[in-house]
PDB file of N, CA and C in Angstrom:
ATOM      1  N   MET A   1       1.215  -1.084   0.042  1.00  0.00           N
ATOM      2  CA  MET A   1       0.010  -0.431   0.359  1.00  0.00           C
ATOM      3  C   MET A   1       1.202   1.349   0.219  1.00  0.00           C
ATOM      4  N   LYS A   2       1.972   1.286  -0.886  1.00  0.00           N
ATOM      5  CA  LYS A   2       2.698   2.427  -1.024  1.00  0.00           C
ATOM      6  C   LYS A   2       2.813   3.372  -1.336  1.00  0.00           C
ATOM      7  N   SER A   3       1.572   2.769  -2.205  1.00  0.00           N
ATOM      8  CA  SER A   3       0.088   4.354  -2.763  1.00  0.00           C
ATOM      9  C   SER A   3      -0.418   4.826  -1.740  1.00  0.00           C
ATOM     10  N   LEU A   4      -0.240   4.915  -0.567  1.00  0.00           N
ATOM     11  CA  LEU A   4      -1.466   5.137   0.057  1.00  0.00           C
ATOM     12  C   LEU A   4       0.037   5.831   0.997  1.00  0.00           C
ATOM     13  N   LEU A   5       0.776   5.826   0.243  1.00  0.00           N
ATOM     14  CA  LEU A   5       2.352   6.726   1.317  1.00  0.00           C
ATOM     15  C   LEU A   5       2.305   8.292   0.574  1.00  0.00           C
ATOM     16  N   SER A   6       2.185   7.589  -0.655  1.00  0.00           N
ATOM     17  CA  SER A   6       2.726   8.502  -2.220  1.00  0.00           C
ATOM     18  C   SER A   6       1.308   9.349  -1.785  1.00  0.00           C
ATOM     19  N   SER A   7      -0.524   9.035  -2.113  1.00  0.00           N
ATOM     20  CA  SER A   7      -1.271   9.859  -1.730  1.00  0.00           C
ATOM     21  C   SER A   7      -1.367  10.960   0.026  1.00  0.00           C
ATOM     22  N   PHE A   8      -0.288  10.683   0.591  1.00  0.00           N
ATOM     23  CA  PHE A   8      -0.763  10.803   2.030  1.00  0.00           C
ATOM     24  C   PHE A   8       0.818  12.238   1.564  1.00  0.00           C
ATOM     25  N   ALA A   9       1.619  12.040   0.993  1.00  0.00           N
ATOM     26  CA  ALA A   9       2.363  13.173   0.330  1.00  0.00           C
ATOM     27  C   ALA A   9       2.334  14.308  -0.215  1.00  0.00           C
ATOM     28  N   ALA A  10       2.165  13.950  -1.266  1.00  0.00           N
ATOM     29  CA  ALA A  10       0.992  14.738  -2.097  1.00  0.00           C
ATOM     30  C   ALA A  10       0.141  16.194  -1.378  1.00  0.00           C
ATOM     31  N   LEU A  11      -0.497  15.131  -0.927  1.00  0.00           N
ATOM     32  CA  LEU A  11      -1.118  15.714   0.439  1.00  0.00           C
ATOM     33  C   LEU A  11      -1.137  16.488   1.182  1.00  0.00           C
ATOM     34  N   MET A  12       0.321  16.169   1.771  1.00  0.00           N
ATOM     35  CA  MET A  12       1.088  17.622   2.837  1.00  0.00           C
ATOM     36  C   MET A  12       1.930  18.531   1.894  1.00  0.00           C
ATOM     37  N   MET A  13       1.760  18.027   0.247  1.00  0.00           N
ATOM     38  CA  MET A  13       2.310  19.342  -0.302  1.00  0.00           C
ATOM     39  C   MET A  13       1.634  20.031  -0.934  1.00  0.00           C
ATOM     40  N   LEU A  14       0.652  19.201  -1.112  1.00  0.00           N
ATOM     41  CA  LEU A  14      -0.456  20.489  -1.315  1.00  0.00           C
ATOM     42  C   LEU A  14      -1.336  21.754  -0.024  1.00  0.00           C
ATOM     43  N   ALA A  15      -1.472  20.321   0.946  1.00  0.00           N
ATOM     44  CA  ALA A  15      -1.550  21.369   2.752  1.00  0.00           C
ATOM     45  C   ALA A  15       0.226  22.592   2.687  1.00  0.00           C
ATOM     46  N   GLY A  16       0.813  22.658   2.297  1.00  0.00           N
ATOM     47  CA  GLY A  16       2.113  23.502   2.382  1.00  0.00           C
ATOM     48  C   GLY A  16       2.488  22.515   2.981  1.00  0.00           C
ATOM     49  N   CYS A  17       2.231  21.857   3.836  1.00  0.00           N
ATOM     50  CA  CYS A  17       3.816  21.442   5.001  1.00  0.00           C
ATOM     51  C   CYS A  17       4.593  20.559   4.279  1.00  0.00           C
ATOM     52  N   ALA A  18       5.814  20.378   4.432  1.00  0.00           N
ATOM     53  CA  ALA A  18       6.974  19.785   3.438  1.00  0.00           C
ATOM     54  C   ALA A  18       7.334  17.486   3.506  1.00  0.00           C
ATOM     55  N   ALA A  19       6.809  17.579   3.268  1.00  0.00           N
ATOM     56  CA  ALA A  19       6.978  16.250   3.439  1.00  0.00           C
ATOM     57  C   ALA A  19       8.174  15.166   1.966  1.00  0.00           C
ATOM     58  N   GLN A  20       8.640  14.873   3.044  1.00  0.00           N
ATOM     59  CA  GLN A  20       8.840  14.166   1.618  1.00  0.00           C
ATOM     60  C   GLN A  20       8.072  13.026   1.364  1.00  0.00           C
ATOM     61  N   ALA A  21       8.504  12.568   0.094  1.00  0.00           N
ATOM     62  CA  ALA A  21       8.284  11.675  -0.208  1.00  0.00           C
ATOM     63  C   ALA A  21       9.216  10.280   0.138  1.00  0.00           C
ATOM     64  N   PRO A  22       7.623   8.997   0.502  1.00  0.00           N
ATOM     65  CA  PRO A  22       8.291   7.927   1.030  1.00  0.00           C
ATOM     66  C   PRO A  22       9.358   7.002  -0.689  1.00  0.00           C
ATOM     67  N   ASN A  23      10.476   6.462   0.461  1.00  0.00           N
ATOM     68  CA  ASN A  23      11.384   5.514  -0.194  1.00  0.00           C
ATOM     69  C   ASN A  23      10.688   4.538  -1.295  1.00  0.00           C
ATOM     70  N   ALA A  24      10.380   4.583  -2.400  1.00  0.00           N
ATOM     71  CA  ALA A  24       9.517   2.638  -3.005  1.00  0.00           C
ATOM     72  C   ALA A  24       9.934   1.914  -2.416  1.00  0.00           C
ATOM     73  N   VAL A  25      10.504   1.536  -1.342  1.00  0.00           N
ATOM     74  CA  VAL A  25      11.086  -0.118  -0.515  1.00  0.00           C
ATOM     75  C   VAL A  25      10.180   0.213   0.872  1.00  0.00           C
ATOM     76  N   ALA A  26      10.453   1.538   0.772  1.00  0.00           N
ATOM     77  CA  ALA A  26       9.834   1.836   2.497  1.00  0.00           C
ATOM     78  C   ALA A  26       8.865   1.046   2.039  1.00  0.00           C
ATOM     79  N   PRO A  27       8.641   1.042   4.366  1.00  0.00           N
ATOM     80  CA  PRO A  27       6.931  -0.257   4.207  1.00  0.00           C
ATOM     81  C   PRO A  27       6.072   0.558   4.958  1.00  0.00           C
ATOM     82  N   GLN A  28       4.960   0.372   4.485  1.00  0.00           N
ATOM     83  CA  GLN A  28       4.075   1.350   5.283  1.00  0.00           C
ATOM     84  C   GLN A  28       4.147   1.604   6.954  1.00  0.00           C
ATOM     85  N   THR A  29       3.708   2.587   6.834  1.00  0.00           N
ATOM     86  CA  THR A  29       3.509   2.790   9.302  1.00  0.00           C
ATOM     87  C   THR A  29       2.483   3.306   9.542  1.00  0.00           C
ATOM     88  N   ASP A  30       2.392   2.758  10.335  1.00  0.00           N
ATOM     89  CA  ASP A  30       1.170   3.511  10.961  1.00  0.00           C
ATOM     90  C   ASP A  30       0.394   4.334  11.724  1.00  0.00           C
ATOM     91  N   ASP A  31       1.499   5.171  11.286  1.00  0.00           N
ATOM     92  CA  ASP A  31       1.019   6.206  11.743  1.00  0.00           C
ATOM     93  C   ASP A  31       0.684   7.416  10.475  1.00  0.00           C
ATOM     94  N   SER A  32       1.621   6.912   9.359  1.00  0.00           N
ATOM     95  CA  SER A  32       1.078   7.585   7.858  1.00  0.00           C
ATOM     96  C   SER A  32      -0.430   6.924   7.591  1.00  0.00           C
ATOM     97  N   SER A  33      -0.022   6.082   7.272  1.00  0.00           N
ATOM     98  CA  SER A  33      -1.728   5.869   7.164  1.00  0.00           C
ATOM     99  C   SER A  33      -2.871   6.367   8.094  1.00  0.00           C
ATOM    100  N   SER A  34      -2.691   6.272   9.845  1.00  0.00           N
ATOM    101  CA  SER A  34      -3.829   7.363  10.821  1.00  0.00           C
ATOM    102  C   SER A  34      -3.840   8.016   9.513  1.00  0.00           C
ATOM    103  N   ALA A  35      -2.468   8.716  10.081  1.00  0.00           N
ATOM    104  CA  ALA A  35      -2.559   9.978   9.620  1.00  0.00           C
ATOM    105  C   ALA A  35      -3.605  11.136   8.069  1.00  0.00           C
ATOM    106  N   LEU A  36      -2.938   9.484   6.676  1.00  0.00           N
ATOM    107  CA  LEU A  36      -3.956  10.010   5.397  1.00  0.00           C
ATOM    108  C   LEU A  36      -5.343   9.855   6.255  1.00  0.00           C
ATOM    109  N   LEU A  37      -5.566   9.122   7.145  1.00  0.00           N
ATOM    110  CA  LEU A  37      -7.178   8.431   7.004  1.00  0.00           C
ATOM    111  C   LEU A  37      -8.049   9.589   7.895  1.00  0.00           C
ATOM    112  N   GLU A  38      -7.363  10.286   8.865  1.00  0.00           N
ATOM    113  CA  GLU A  38      -7.498  11.184   9.382  1.00  0.00           C
ATOM    114  C   GLU A  38      -7.633  12.242   8.725  1.00  0.00           C
ATOM    115  N   SER A  39      -7.348  13.115   7.943  1.00  0.00           N
ATOM    116  CA  SER A  39      -6.942  13.864   6.919  1.00  0.00           C
ATOM    117  C   SER A  39      -8.482  13.873   5.389  1.00  0.00           C
ATOM    118  N   ILE A  40      -8.061  12.267   5.086  1.00  0.00           N
ATOM    119  CA  ILE A  40      -9.706  12.081   5.128  1.00  0.00           C
ATOM    120  C   ILE A  40     -10.666  12.678   5.799  1.00  0.00           C
ATOM    121  N   GLU A  41     -11.072  12.154   6.580  1.00  0.00           N
ATOM    122  CA  GLU A  41     -11.529  12.345   8.429  1.00  0.00           C
ATOM    123  C   GLU A  41     -12.458  13.565   7.910  1.00  0.00           C
ATOM    124  N   ASP A  42     -11.946  14.412   8.127  1.00  0.00           N
ATOM    125  CA  ASP A  42     -11.325  15.842   7.692  1.00  0.00           C
ATOM    126  C   ASP A  42     -12.415  15.924   7.317  1.00  0.00           C
ATOM    127  N   LEU A  43     -12.347  15.547   6.026  1.00  0.00           N
ATOM    128  CA  LEU A  43     -13.103  16.610   4.530  1.00  0.00           C
ATOM    129  C   LEU A  43     -14.322  16.083   4.619  1.00  0.00           C
ATOM    130  N   LEU A  44     -15.049  14.964   5.597  1.00  0.00           N
ATOM    131  CA  LEU A  44     -15.897  13.968   5.246  1.00  0.00           C
ATOM    132  C   LEU A  44     -17.574  15.116   6.184  1.00  0.00           C
ATOM    133  N   ARG A  45     -18.173  15.325   5.012  1.00  0.00           N
ATOM    134  CA  ARG A  45     -19.949  15.102   5.230  1.00  0.00           C
ATOM    135  C   ARG A  45     -21.137  14.377   5.961  1.00  0.00           C
ATOM    136  N   LEU A  46     -21.049  14.077   6.749  1.00  0.00           N
ATOM    137  CA  LEU A  46     -22.077  12.974   7.684  1.00  0.00           C
ATOM    138  C   LEU A  46     -22.978  12.996   6.801  1.00  0.00           C
ATOM    139  N   PRO A  47     -23.371  11.860   6.261  1.00  0.00           N
ATOM    140  CA  PRO A  47     -24.532  11.973   5.692  1.00  0.00           C
ATOM    141  C   PRO A  47     -25.638  12.113   6.944  1.00  0.00           C
ATOM    142  N   LYS A  48     -27.253  12.854   6.308  1.00  0.00           N
ATOM    143  CA  LYS A  48     -28.326  12.883   7.196  1.00  0.00           C
ATOM    144  C   LYS A  48     -27.961  11.599   7.934  1.00  0.00           C
ATOM    145  N   GLY A  49     -29.055  11.428   9.231  1.00  0.00           N
ATOM    146  CA  GLY A  49     -29.559  11.206   9.915  1.00  0.00           C
ATOM    147  C   GLY A  49     -27.486  10.105  10.334  1.00  0.00           C
ATOM    148  N   ALA A  50     -26.419  10.117  10.232  1.00  0.00           N
ATOM    149  CA  ALA A  50     -25.908   9.768  10.821  1.00  0.00           C
ATOM    150  C   ALA A  50     -25.412   9.793  12.406  1.00  0.00           C
ATOM    151  N   ALA A  51     -24.646   9.471  13.086  1.00  0.00           N
ATOM    152  CA  ALA A  51     -24.567   9.674  14.439  1.00  0.00           C
ATOM    153  C   ALA A  51     -22.343  10.243  14.124  1.00  0.00           C
ATOM    154  N   ARG A  52     -22.008  10.418  15.311  1.00  0.00           N
ATOM    155  CA  ARG A  52     -20.983  11.638  15.183  1.00  0.00           C
ATOM    156  C   ARG A  52     -19.953   9.884  14.522  1.00  0.00           C
ATOM    157  N   LEU A  53     -19.204  10.951  13.797  1.00  0.00           N
ATOM    158  CA  LEU A  53     -18.089  10.091  12.805  1.00  0.00           C
ATOM    159  C   LEU A  53     -17.518   9.108  13.886  1.00  0.00           C
ATOM    160  N   ARG A  54     -17.152   9.395  15.098  1.00  0.00           N
ATOM    161  CA  ARG A  54     -16.276   9.180  15.960  1.00  0.00           C
ATOM    162  C   ARG A  54     -16.993   8.003  16.961  1.00  0.00           C
ATOM    163  N   SER A  55     -18.292   7.474  16.475  1.00  0.00           N
ATOM    164  CA  SER A  55     -19.201   6.161  16.841  1.00  0.00           C
ATOM    165  C   SER A  55     -19.264   4.979  16.377  1.00  0.00           C
ATOM    166  N   TYR A  56     -18.024   5.364  14.827  1.00  0.00           N
ATOM    167  CA  TYR A  56     -17.947   3.768  14.242  1.00  0.00           C
ATOM    168  C   TYR A  56     -16.606   2.955  13.898  1.00  0.00           C
ATOM    169  N   THR A  57     -17.040   2.247  14.247  1.00  0.00           N
ATOM    170  CA  THR A  57     -15.951   1.576  13.759  1.00  0.00           C
ATOM    171  C   THR A  57     -15.261   2.355  12.506  1.00  0.00           C
ATOM    172  N   ARG A  58     -14.762   2.416  11.133  1.00  0.00           N
ATOM    173  CA  ARG A  58     -14.398   2.369  10.296  1.00  0.00           C
ATOM    174  C   ARG A  58     -13.231   2.209   9.398  1.00  0.00           C
ATOM    175  N   TYR A  59     -13.648   0.666   8.697  1.00  0.00           N
ATOM    176  CA  TYR A  59     -13.181  -0.284   7.576  1.00  0.00           C
ATOM    177  C   TYR A  59     -12.640   0.686   5.850  1.00  0.00           C
ATOM    178  N   TYR A  60     -11.270   1.179   6.185  1.00  0.00           N
ATOM    179  CA  TYR A  60     -10.972   1.789   4.651  1.00  0.00           C
ATOM    180  C   TYR A  60     -10.208   0.473   3.972  1.00  0.00           C
ATOM    181  N   THR A  61     -10.970   0.290   2.632  1.00  0.00           N
ATOM    182  CA  THR A  61      -9.155   0.063   2.057  1.00  0.00           C
ATOM    183  C   THR A  61      -9.142   1.063   1.003  1.00  0.00           C
ATOM    184  N   GLU A  62      -7.568   0.726  -0.593  1.00  0.00           N
ATOM    185  CA  GLU A  62      -7.307   1.375  -0.455  1.00  0.00           C
ATOM    186  C   GLU A  62      -7.551   0.630  -2.676  1.00  0.00           C
ATOM    187  N   THR A  63      -8.261   1.643  -3.239  1.00  0.00           N
ATOM    188  CA  THR A  63      -8.547   0.503  -4.637  1.00  0.00           C
ATOM    189  C   THR A  63      -7.212   1.398  -5.434  1.00  0.00           C
ATOM    190  N   ARG A  64      -6.651   0.883  -6.513  1.00  0.00           N
ATOM    191  CA  ARG A  64      -6.439   1.698  -8.111  1.00  0.00           C
ATOM    192  C   ARG A  64      -6.639   0.906  -9.034  1.00  0.00           C
ATOM    193  N   ASN A  65      -6.797   1.737 -10.157  1.00  0.00           N
ATOM    194  CA  ASN A  65      -7.075   0.876 -11.771  1.00  0.00           C
ATOM    195  C   ASN A  65      -6.326   2.910 -12.520  1.00  0.00           C
ATOM    196  N   ASP A  66      -6.455   1.785 -14.330  1.00  0.00           N
ATOM    197  CA  ASP A  66      -6.263   2.978 -15.072  1.00  0.00           C
ATOM    198  C   ASP A  66      -7.261   4.140 -14.907  1.00  0.00           C
ATOM    199  N   GLN A  67      -8.061   4.037 -14.597  1.00  0.00           N
ATOM    200  CA  GLN A  67      -9.277   5.422 -14.395  1.00  0.00           C
ATOM    201  C   GLN A  67      -9.364   5.587 -12.714  1.00  0.00           C
ATOM    202  N   GLU A  68      -8.481   5.417 -12.110  1.00  0.00           N
ATOM    203  CA  GLU A  68      -9.677   5.907 -10.559  1.00  0.00           C
ATOM    204  C   GLU A  68      -8.175   5.005 -10.127  1.00  0.00           C
ATOM    205  N   HIS A  69      -8.413   5.847  -8.018  1.00  0.00           N
ATOM    206  CA  HIS A  69      -7.300   5.637  -7.218  1.00  0.00           C
ATOM    207  C   HIS A  69      -8.378   6.005  -5.981  1.00  0.00           C
ATOM    208  N   TYR A  70      -8.773   5.154  -5.592  1.00  0.00           N
ATOM    209  CA  TYR A  70     -10.110   5.055  -3.967  1.00  0.00           C
ATOM    210  C   TYR A  70      -9.962   4.982  -2.579  1.00  0.00           C
ATOM    211  N   VAL A  71     -10.633   5.801  -1.597  1.00  0.00           N
ATOM    212  CA  VAL A  71     -10.751   4.690  -0.593  1.00  0.00           C
ATOM    213  C   VAL A  71     -12.070   4.278  -0.598  1.00  0.00           C
ATOM    214  N   THR A  72     -11.843   2.958  -0.189  1.00  0.00           N
ATOM    215  CA  THR A  72     -13.541   3.222  -0.123  1.00  0.00           C
ATOM    216  C   THR A  72     -13.571   2.677   1.943  1.00  0.00           C
ATOM    217  N   GLY A  73     -14.400   2.863   2.064  1.00  0.00           N
ATOM    218  CA  GLY A  73     -14.352   2.954   3.482  1.00  0.00           C
ATOM    219  C   GLY A  73     -15.923   2.342   4.294  1.00  0.00           C
ATOM    220  N   ILE A  74     -16.581   1.032   4.676  1.00  0.00           N
ATOM    221  CA  ILE A  74     -17.876   0.265   5.778  1.00  0.00           C
ATOM    222  C   ILE A  74     -17.309   0.934   7.286  1.00  0.00           C
ATOM    223  N   PHE A  75     -18.249   2.145   7.333  1.00  0.00           N
ATOM    224  CA  PHE A  75     -17.959   2.428   9.237  1.00  0.00           C
ATOM    225  C   PHE A  75     -19.583   1.713   9.808  1.00  0.00           C
ATOM    226  N   VAL A  76     -19.577   0.776  10.693  1.00  0.00           N
ATOM    227  CA  VAL A  76     -19.764   0.464  11.757  1.00  0.00           C
ATOM    228  C   VAL A  76     -20.038   0.571  12.959  1.00  0.00           C
ATOM    229  N   ARG A  77     -21.348   1.473  13.075  1.00  0.00           N
ATOM    230  CA  ARG A  77     -22.149   1.865  14.956  1.00  0.00           C
ATOM    231  C   ARG A  77     -21.311   1.062  15.792  1.00  0.00           C
ATOM    232  N   GLY A  78     -21.191   1.535  16.582  1.00  0.00           N
ATOM    233  CA  GLY A  78     -21.090   0.251  18.354  1.00  0.00           C
ATOM    234  C   GLY A  78     -20.051   0.524  18.802  1.00  0.00           C
ATOM    235  N   LYS A  79     -19.951  -0.611  19.067  1.00  0.00           N
ATOM    236  CA  LYS A  79     -18.276  -0.123  19.917  1.00  0.00           C
ATOM    237  C   LYS A  79     -17.240   0.798  19.220  1.00  0.00           C
ATOM    238  N   PRO A  80     -17.784   1.848  18.946  1.00  0.00           N
ATOM    239  CA  PRO A  80     -16.701   2.780  18.597  1.00  0.00           C
ATOM    240  C   PRO A  80     -14.972   2.209  19.069  1.00  0.00           C
ATOM    241  N   GLY A  81     -14.260   2.057  17.393  1.00  0.00           N
ATOM    242  CA  GLY A  81     -13.056   0.680  17.169  1.00  0.00           C
ATOM    243  C   GLY A  81     -11.483   1.491  16.698  1.00  0.00           C
ATOM    244  N   GLY A  82     -12.018   3.470  16.426  1.00  0.00           N
ATOM    245  CA  GLY A  82     -11.409   3.814  15.804  1.00  0.00           C
ATOM    246  C   GLY A  82     -11.415   4.107  13.720  1.00  0.00           C
ATOM    247  N   ALA A  83     -10.257   3.603  13.124  1.00  0.00           N
ATOM    248  CA  ALA A  83     -10.328   3.668  11.762  1.00  0.00           C
ATOM    249  C   ALA A  83      -8.737   3.218  11.811  1.00  0.00           C
ATOM    250  N   LYS A  84      -9.161   2.371  10.633  1.00  0.00           N
ATOM    251  CA  LYS A  84      -8.488   0.845  10.502  1.00  0.00           C
ATOM    252  C   LYS A  84      -8.429   0.715   8.794  1.00  0.00           C
ATOM    253  N   LEU A  85      -6.947   0.342   8.336  1.00  0.00           N
ATOM    254  CA  LEU A  85      -7.019   0.342   6.947  1.00  0.00           C
ATOM    255  C   LEU A  85      -6.534  -1.138   6.859  1.00  0.00           C
ATOM    256  N   VAL A  86      -7.619  -1.340   6.083  1.00  0.00           N
ATOM    257  CA  VAL A  86      -7.788  -3.594   5.838  1.00  0.00           C
ATOM    258  C   VAL A  86      -7.783  -3.734   3.900  1.00  0.00           C
ATOM    259  N   PRO A  87      -7.304  -5.097   4.366  1.00  0.00           N
ATOM    260  CA  PRO A  87      -6.928  -6.002   2.284  1.00  0.00           C
ATOM    261  C   PRO A  87      -8.738  -5.501   2.376  1.00  0.00           C
ATOM    262  N   ALA A  88      -8.626  -5.418   1.533  1.00  0.00           N
ATOM    263  CA  ALA A  88      -9.939  -5.053   0.763  1.00  0.00           C
ATOM    264  C   ALA A  88     -10.719  -6.515   1.097  1.00  0.00           C
ATOM    265  N   ASN A  89     -10.281  -7.657   1.019  1.00  0.00           N
ATOM    266  CA  ASN A  89     -10.787  -9.051   1.546  1.00  0.00           C
ATOM    267  C   ASN A  89     -11.781  -9.317   2.542  1.00  0.00           C
ATOM    268  N   SER A  90     -11.040  -8.633   3.268  1.00  0.00           N
ATOM    269  CA  SER A  90     -11.394  -8.384   4.947  1.00  0.00           C
ATOM    270  C   SER A  90     -11.644  -7.336   5.020  1.00  0.00           C
ATOM    271  N   MET A  91     -12.474  -6.561   4.224  1.00  0.00           N
ATOM    272  CA  MET A  91     -13.564  -5.534   5.079  1.00  0.00           C
ATOM    273  C   MET A  91     -15.086  -5.822   5.043  1.00  0.00           C
ATOM    274  N   PRO A  92     -15.834  -5.227   5.998  1.00  0.00           N
ATOM    275  CA  PRO A  92     -17.297  -5.699   6.172  1.00  0.00           C
ATOM    276  C   PRO A  92     -18.022  -5.383   5.137  1.00  0.00           C
ATOM    277  N   VAL A  93     -18.887  -6.810   5.241  1.00  0.00           N
ATOM    278  CA  VAL A  93     -20.185  -6.727   3.491  1.00  0.00           C
ATOM    279  C   VAL A  93     -20.566  -6.586   4.571  1.00  0.00           C
ATOM    280  N   ILE A  94     -21.728  -5.370   4.908  1.00  0.00           N
ATOM    281  CA  ILE A  94     -23.735  -4.915   5.117  1.00  0.00           C
ATOM    282  C   ILE A  94     -24.166  -4.258   4.979  1.00  0.00           C
ATOM    283  N   PHE A  95     -24.977  -5.108   3.466  1.00  0.00           N
ATOM    284  CA  PHE A  95     -26.190  -4.229   2.411  1.00  0.00           C
ATOM    285  C   PHE A  95     -27.479  -3.506   3.714  1.00  0.00           C
ATOM    286  N   ASP A  96     -27.732  -3.980   5.219  1.00  0.00           N
ATOM    287  CA  ASP A  96     -28.423  -3.475   5.401  1.00  0.00           C
ATOM    288  C   ASP A  96     -27.979  -2.141   6.349  1.00  0.00           C
ATOM    289  N   GLY A  97     -28.625  -1.871   8.004  1.00  0.00           N
ATOM    290  CA  GLY A  97     -28.320  -1.529   8.936  1.00  0.00           C
ATOM    291  C   GLY A  97     -29.139   0.836   9.041  1.00  0.00           C
ATOM    292  N   GLY A  98     -29.355   0.718   7.612  1.00  0.00           N
ATOM    293  CA  GLY A  98     -29.385   1.777   8.046  1.00  0.00           C
ATOM    294  C   GLY A  98     -28.394   2.977   7.824  1.00  0.00           C
ATOM    295  N   CYS A  99     -28.674   4.322   9.088  1.00  0.00           N
ATOM    296  CA  CYS A  99     -27.721   4.724   9.758  1.00  0.00           C
ATOM    297  C   CYS A  99     -26.535   4.713  10.026  1.00  0.00           C
ATOM    298  N   ASP A 100     -26.544   3.485  10.577  1.00  0.00           N
ATOM    299  CA  ASP A 100     -25.569   2.823  10.809  1.00  0.00           C
ATOM    300  C   ASP A 100     -24.403   2.496  10.790  1.00  0.00           C
ATOM    301  N   VAL A 101     -24.750   2.113   9.528  1.00  0.00           N
ATOM    302  CA  VAL A 101     -23.901   1.159   8.656  1.00  0.00           C
ATOM    303  C   VAL A 101     -23.460   2.682   8.062  1.00  0.00           C
ATOM    304  N   LEU A 102     -22.373   3.199   7.498  1.00  0.00           N
ATOM    305  CA  LEU A 102     -22.227   4.413   5.940  1.00  0.00           C
ATOM    306  C   LEU A 102     -20.663   3.515   5.068  1.00  0.00           C
ATOM    307  N   HIS A 103     -21.125   3.945   4.241  1.00  0.00           N
ATOM    308  CA  HIS A 103     -20.487   3.311   3.466  1.00  0.00           C
ATOM    309  C   HIS A 103     -19.639   4.907   2.275  1.00  0.00           C
ATOM    310  N   LEU A 104     -18.740   4.443   2.031  1.00  0.00           N
ATOM    311  CA  LEU A 104     -18.188   5.737   1.613  1.00  0.00           C
ATOM    312  C   LEU A 104     -17.168   5.502   0.226  1.00  0.00           C
ATOM    313  N   LYS A 105     -16.965   5.773  -0.651  1.00  0.00           N
ATOM    314  CA  LYS A 105     -15.725   6.533  -1.709  1.00  0.00           C
ATOM    315  C   LYS A 105     -15.270   7.089  -1.208  1.00  0.00           C
ATOM    316  N   PHE A 106     -14.226   7.743  -1.735  1.00  0.00           N
ATOM    317  CA  PHE A 106     -14.010   9.520  -1.939  1.00  0.00           C
ATOM    318  C   PHE A 106     -12.022   9.091  -3.024  1.00  0.00           C
ATOM    319  N   ASP A 107     -12.534   9.417  -3.891  1.00  0.00           N
ATOM    320  CA  ASP A 107     -11.306   9.895  -4.845  1.00  0.00           C
ATOM    321  C   ASP A 107     -10.360  10.198  -4.507  1.00  0.00           C
ATOM    322  N   LEU A 108      -8.663   9.340  -4.709  1.00  0.00           N
ATOM    323  CA  LEU A 108      -7.525  10.202  -3.899  1.00  0.00           C
ATOM    324  C   LEU A 108      -7.586  11.036  -4.246  1.00  0.00           C
ATOM    325  N   ARG A 109      -7.889  10.306  -6.438  1.00  0.00           N
ATOM    326  CA  ARG A 109      -6.337  11.713  -6.930  1.00  0.00           C
ATOM    327  C   ARG A 109      -7.123  13.381  -6.700  1.00  0.00           C
ATOM    328  N   ALA A 110      -8.430  12.872  -6.970  1.00  0.00           N
ATOM    329  CA  ALA A 110      -9.265  14.698  -5.946  1.00  0.00           C
ATOM    330  C   ALA A 110      -9.480  15.244  -4.873  1.00  0.00           C
ATOM    331  N   MET A 111      -8.664  14.335  -4.259  1.00  0.00           N
ATOM    332  CA  MET A 111      -9.483  14.262  -2.752  1.00  0.00           C
ATOM    333  C   MET A 111     -10.412  15.087  -2.463  1.00  0.00           C
ATOM    334  N   ARG A 112     -11.266  14.776  -2.342  1.00  0.00           N
ATOM    335  CA  ARG A 112     -12.826  15.016  -2.357  1.00  0.00           C
ATOM    336  C   ARG A 112     -13.952  13.184  -2.548  1.00  0.00           C
ATOM    337  N   THR A 113     -15.502  13.861  -2.286  1.00  0.00           N
ATOM    338  CA  THR A 113     -15.600  12.543  -1.398  1.00  0.00           C
ATOM    339  C   THR A 113     -16.849  12.579  -3.019  1.00  0.00           C
ATOM    340  N   VAL A 114     -16.998  10.935  -3.607  1.00  0.00           N
ATOM    341  CA  VAL A 114     -17.695  10.384  -5.089  1.00  0.00           C
ATOM    342  C   VAL A 114     -19.156  10.346  -4.488  1.00  0.00           C
ATOM    343  N   ALA A 115     -18.935   9.370  -2.720  1.00  0.00           N
ATOM    344  CA  ALA A 115     -20.064   9.026  -2.637  1.00  0.00           C
ATOM    345  C   ALA A 115     -19.992   8.598  -1.207  1.00  0.00           C
ATOM    346  N   PHE A 116     -21.454   9.393  -0.208  1.00  0.00           N
ATOM    347  CA  PHE A 116     -21.691   8.603   1.076  1.00  0.00           C
ATOM    348  C   PHE A 116     -23.093   8.576   1.413  1.00  0.00           C
ATOM    349  N   PHE A 117     -22.920   7.841   1.990  1.00  0.00           N
ATOM    350  CA  PHE A 117     -24.161   7.262   2.305  1.00  0.00           C
ATOM    351  C   PHE A 117     -24.805   6.519   3.783  1.00  0.00           C
ATOM    352  N   CYS A 118     -26.433   5.858   4.335  1.00  0.00           N
ATOM    353  CA  CYS A 118     -26.313   5.556   4.629  1.00  0.00           C
ATOM    354  C   CYS A 118     -26.577   3.535   4.418  1.00  0.00           C
ATOM    355  N   GLY A 119     -26.804   2.397   5.173  1.00  0.00           N
ATOM    356  CA  GLY A 119     -27.407   1.428   4.667  1.00  0.00           C
ATOM    357  C   GLY A 119     -28.303   1.065   3.871  1.00  0.00           C
ATOM    358  N   GLY A 120     -28.888   0.287   3.101  1.00  0.00           N
ATOM    359  CA  GLY A 120     -30.674   0.476   3.588  1.00  0.00           C
ATOM    360  C   GLY A 120     -31.227  -0.032   4.685  1.00  0.00           C
ATOM    361  N   LEU A 121     -32.191  -0.777   4.358  1.00  0.00           N
ATOM    362  CA  LEU A 121     -33.114  -0.995   5.811  1.00  0.00           C
ATOM    363  C   LEU A 121     -33.736  -2.403   5.646  1.00  0.00           C
ATOM    364  N   ALA A 122     -33.525  -3.500   6.341  1.00  0.00           N
ATOM    365  CA  ALA A 122     -33.536  -4.552   5.348  1.00  0.00           C
ATOM    366  C   ALA A 122     -35.545  -5.148   5.805  1.00  0.00           C
TER     367      ALA A 122
END
């Protein structure tokens, strides 16, 4: 997931902070992942009906292809567990839950929310 580090470095430069581009072989650190996720969360506007952000355990994964580079998030309300960057196959799969389950697609190239909505109701 070195591409998340690259995105973080670009974000820091855009923000006017001095940031060194990560070494291509450097492992991803928890601190840099956390900083990127916090930067994304600072830009979010919660959907109508959602609880406070910190009341959700927030699972994120990165997806990249030729056209897009984005972070997908599933937020599950309950016992707060913070933000976690996980492999795609470790993301929760929940289609209902109303606003106790939030779904996010965030464009890392544009640093903007593409979609952010509450789950459906079963």
